[in-house]
C-alpha atoms as a PDB file:
ATOM      1  CA  MET A   1       0.000   0.000   0.000  1.00  0.00           C
ATOM      2  CA  GLU A   2       1.096   3.551  -0.662  1.00  0.00           C
ATOM      3  CA  GLU A   3       1.462   6.169   2.079  1.00  0.00           C
ATOM      4  CA  THR A   4      -1.779   7.858   1.008  1.00  0.00           C
ATOM      5  CA  ASP A   5      -3.611   4.524   1.297  1.00  0.00           C
ATOM      6  CA  TRP A   6      -2.367   4.102   4.868  1.00  0.00           C
ATOM      7  CA  ARG A   7      -3.495   7.644   5.719  1.00  0.00           C
ATOM      8  CA  GLN A   8      -6.959   6.982   4.291  1.00  0.00           C
ATOM      9  CA  LEU A   9      -7.165   3.755   6.270  1.00  0.00           C
ATOM     10  CA  GLN A  10      -6.226   5.585   9.467  1.00  0.00           C
ATOM     11  CA  LEU A  11      -8.872   8.251   8.830  1.00  0.00           C
ATOM     12  CA  ALA A  12     -11.524   5.588   8.228  1.00  0.00           C
ATOM     13  CA  MET A  13     -10.534   3.715  11.389  1.00  0.00           C
ATOM     14  CA  ASP A  14     -10.592   6.933  13.416  1.00  0.00           C
ATOM     15  CA  LYS A  15     -14.100   7.592  12.184  1.00  0.00           C
ATOM     16  CA  LYS A  16     -15.238   4.079  13.088  1.00  0.00           C
ATOM     17  CA  TRP A  17     -13.528   4.054  16.504  1.00  0.00           C
ATOM     18  CA  ASN A  18     -14.440   7.621  17.586  1.00  0.00           C
ATOM     19  CA  ASN A  19     -10.935   9.062  17.027  1.00  0.00           C
ATOM     20  CA  ALA A  20      -9.345   6.408  19.249  1.00  0.00           C
ATOM     21  CA  ILE A  21      -6.494   5.844  16.793  1.00  0.00           C
ATOM     22  CA  VAL A  22      -5.338   9.460  16.763  1.00  0.00           C
ATOM     23  CA  ARG A  23      -5.742   9.701  20.545  1.00  0.00           C
ATOM     24  CA  MET A  24      -3.611   6.599  21.066  1.00  0.00           C
ATOM     25  CA  GLN A  25      -1.049   7.876  18.580  1.00  0.00           C
ATOM     26  CA  ASP A  26      -0.713  11.106  20.546  1.00  0.00           C
ATOM     27  CA  GLU A  27      -0.870   9.592  24.021  1.00  0.00           C
ATOM     28  CA  TYR A  28       1.575   6.740  23.393  1.00  0.00           C
ATOM     29  CA  GLN A  29       3.705   8.415  20.704  1.00  0.00           C
ATOM     30  CA  LEU A  30       3.016   5.608  18.261  1.00  0.00           C
ATOM     31  CA  LEU A  31       5.075   5.360  15.108  1.00  0.00           C
ATOM     32  CA  ASP A  32       3.408   5.074  11.706  1.00  0.00           C
ATOM     33  CA  MET A  33       4.125   1.333  11.663  1.00  0.00           C
ATOM     34  CA  ASP A  34       2.458   0.970  15.080  1.00  0.00           C
ATOM     35  CA  VAL A  35      -0.663   2.719  13.779  1.00  0.00           C
ATOM     36  CA  ARG A  36      -0.717   0.540  10.677  1.00  0.00           C
ATOM     37  CA  LEU A  37      -0.507  -2.611  12.754  1.00  0.00           C
ATOM     38  CA  LEU A  38      -3.202  -1.375  15.114  1.00  0.00           C
ATOM     39  CA  CYS A  39      -5.563  -0.552  12.238  1.00  0.00           C
ATOM     40  CA  LEU A  40      -5.052  -3.943  10.609  1.00  0.00           C
ATOM     41  CA  LYS A  41      -5.620  -5.731  13.921  1.00  0.00           C
ATOM     42  CA  LEU A  42      -8.857  -3.865  14.533  1.00  0.00           C
ATOM     43  CA  MET A  43     -10.048  -4.755  11.025  1.00  0.00           C
ATOM     44  CA  ASP A  44      -9.551  -8.468  11.694  1.00  0.00           C
ATOM     45  CA  ILE A  45      -7.216  -8.776   8.722  1.00  0.00           C
ATOM     46  CA  PRO A  46      -5.882 -12.357   8.546  1.00  0.00           C
ATOM     47  CA  LYS A  47      -2.263 -12.677   9.652  1.00  0.00           C
ATOM     48  CA  VAL A  48      -1.130 -13.892   6.246  1.00  0.00           C
ATOM     49  CA  HIS A  49      -2.382 -10.634   4.717  1.00  0.00           C
ATOM     50  CA  MET A  50      -0.824  -8.549   7.500  1.00  0.00           C
ATOM     51  CA  LEU A  51       2.519 -10.221   6.839  1.00  0.00           C
ATOM     52  CA  TYR A  52       2.287  -9.194   3.197  1.00  0.00           C
ATOM     53  CA  LEU A  53       1.036  -5.639   3.814  1.00  0.00           C
ATOM     54  CA  LEU A  54       3.589  -4.888   6.524  1.00  0.00           C
ATOM     55  CA  GLY A  55       6.471  -6.878   5.037  1.00  0.00           C
ATOM     56  CA  PHE A  56       7.013  -8.838   8.265  1.00  0.00           C
ATOM     57  CA  SER A  57       7.853 -12.431   9.015  1.00  0.00           C
ATOM     58  CA  ARG A  58       5.466 -14.315  11.307  1.00  0.00           C
ATOM     59  CA  ASN A  59       7.894 -13.984  14.246  1.00  0.00           C
ATOM     60  CA  THR A  60       8.361 -10.273  13.618  1.00  0.00           C
ATOM     61  CA  LEU A  61       4.608  -9.726  13.536  1.00  0.00           C
ATOM     62  CA  TYR A  62       4.165 -11.528  16.851  1.00  0.00           C
ATOM     63  CA  THR A  63       6.984  -9.467  18.384  1.00  0.00           C
ATOM     64  CA  LYS A  64       5.600  -6.179  17.028  1.00  0.00           C
ATOM     65  CA  GLU A  65       2.115  -6.958  18.381  1.00  0.00           C
ATOM     66  CA  LYS A  66       3.507  -7.609  21.825  1.00  0.00           C
ATOM     67  CA  GLU A  67       5.750  -4.521  21.722  1.00  0.00           C
ATOM     68  CA  LEU A  68       2.827  -2.348  20.653  1.00  0.00           C
ATOM     69  CA  LEU A  69       0.663  -3.509  23.536  1.00  0.00           C
ATOM     70  CA  GLU A  70       3.539  -2.977  25.965  1.00  0.00           C
ATOM     71  CA  LYS A  71       4.194   0.487  24.511  1.00  0.00           C
ATOM     72  CA  MET A  72       0.597   1.319  25.331  1.00  0.00           C
ATOM     73  CA  CYS A  73       1.089   0.035  28.889  1.00  0.00           C
ATOM     74  CA  PHE A  74      -1.363  -2.784  28.341  1.00  0.00           C
ATOM     75  CA  VAL A  75      -0.635  -6.127  29.933  1.00  0.00           C
ATOM     76  CA  CYS A  76      -1.415  -8.962  27.555  1.00  0.00           C
ATOM     77  CA  THR A  77      -4.091 -11.161  29.029  1.00  0.00           C
ATOM     78  CA  SER A  78      -3.694 -13.968  26.535  1.00  0.00           C
ATOM     79  CA  LYS A  79      -2.045 -14.963  23.280  1.00  0.00           C
ATOM     80  CA  ASN A  80      -5.094 -13.544  21.492  1.00  0.00           C
ATOM     81  CA  PHE A  81      -3.790 -10.106  20.603  1.00  0.00           C
ATOM     82  CA  LYS A  82      -6.909  -9.236  18.593  1.00  0.00           C
ATOM     83  CA  ASN A  83      -9.009  -9.347  21.756  1.00  0.00           C
ATOM     84  CA  ASP A  84      -6.366  -7.433  23.710  1.00  0.00           C
ATOM     85  CA  PHE A  85      -6.322  -4.655  21.078  1.00  0.00           C
ATOM     86  CA  ARG A  86     -10.114  -4.495  21.036  1.00  0.00           C
ATOM     87  CA  LYS A  87     -10.260  -4.210  24.838  1.00  0.00           C
ATOM     88  CA  LEU A  88      -7.722  -1.411  24.732  1.00  0.00           C
ATOM     89  CA  VAL A  89      -9.619   0.555  22.094  1.00  0.00           C
ATOM     90  CA  GLU A  90     -12.996  -0.054  23.761  1.00  0.00           C
ATOM     91  CA  ASN A  91     -11.580   1.510  26.929  1.00  0.00           C
ATOM     92  CA  LEU A  92     -10.812   4.663  24.958  1.00  0.00           C
ATOM     93  CA  LYS A  93     -14.323   5.154  23.567  1.00  0.00           C
END
């Protein structure tokens, strides 16, 4: 995806999640790659597609998910990062 595509995705996700993405980006000083990962996780994109879109290996994706949650001071409650991300965003609504 091009940079403009990522920006459009972020705007659409902010609209859906009541500006939670931009608030988290400001509060936790998230990098663009963090925001991209967060958006894809919230969209329930299959991991195989995330690997392609982000250019990550499976191990790198797992590591980045965990690092992102830790960056946002969220303790992982399980290996199901999708649910952890959803809980985090729901708390921001």
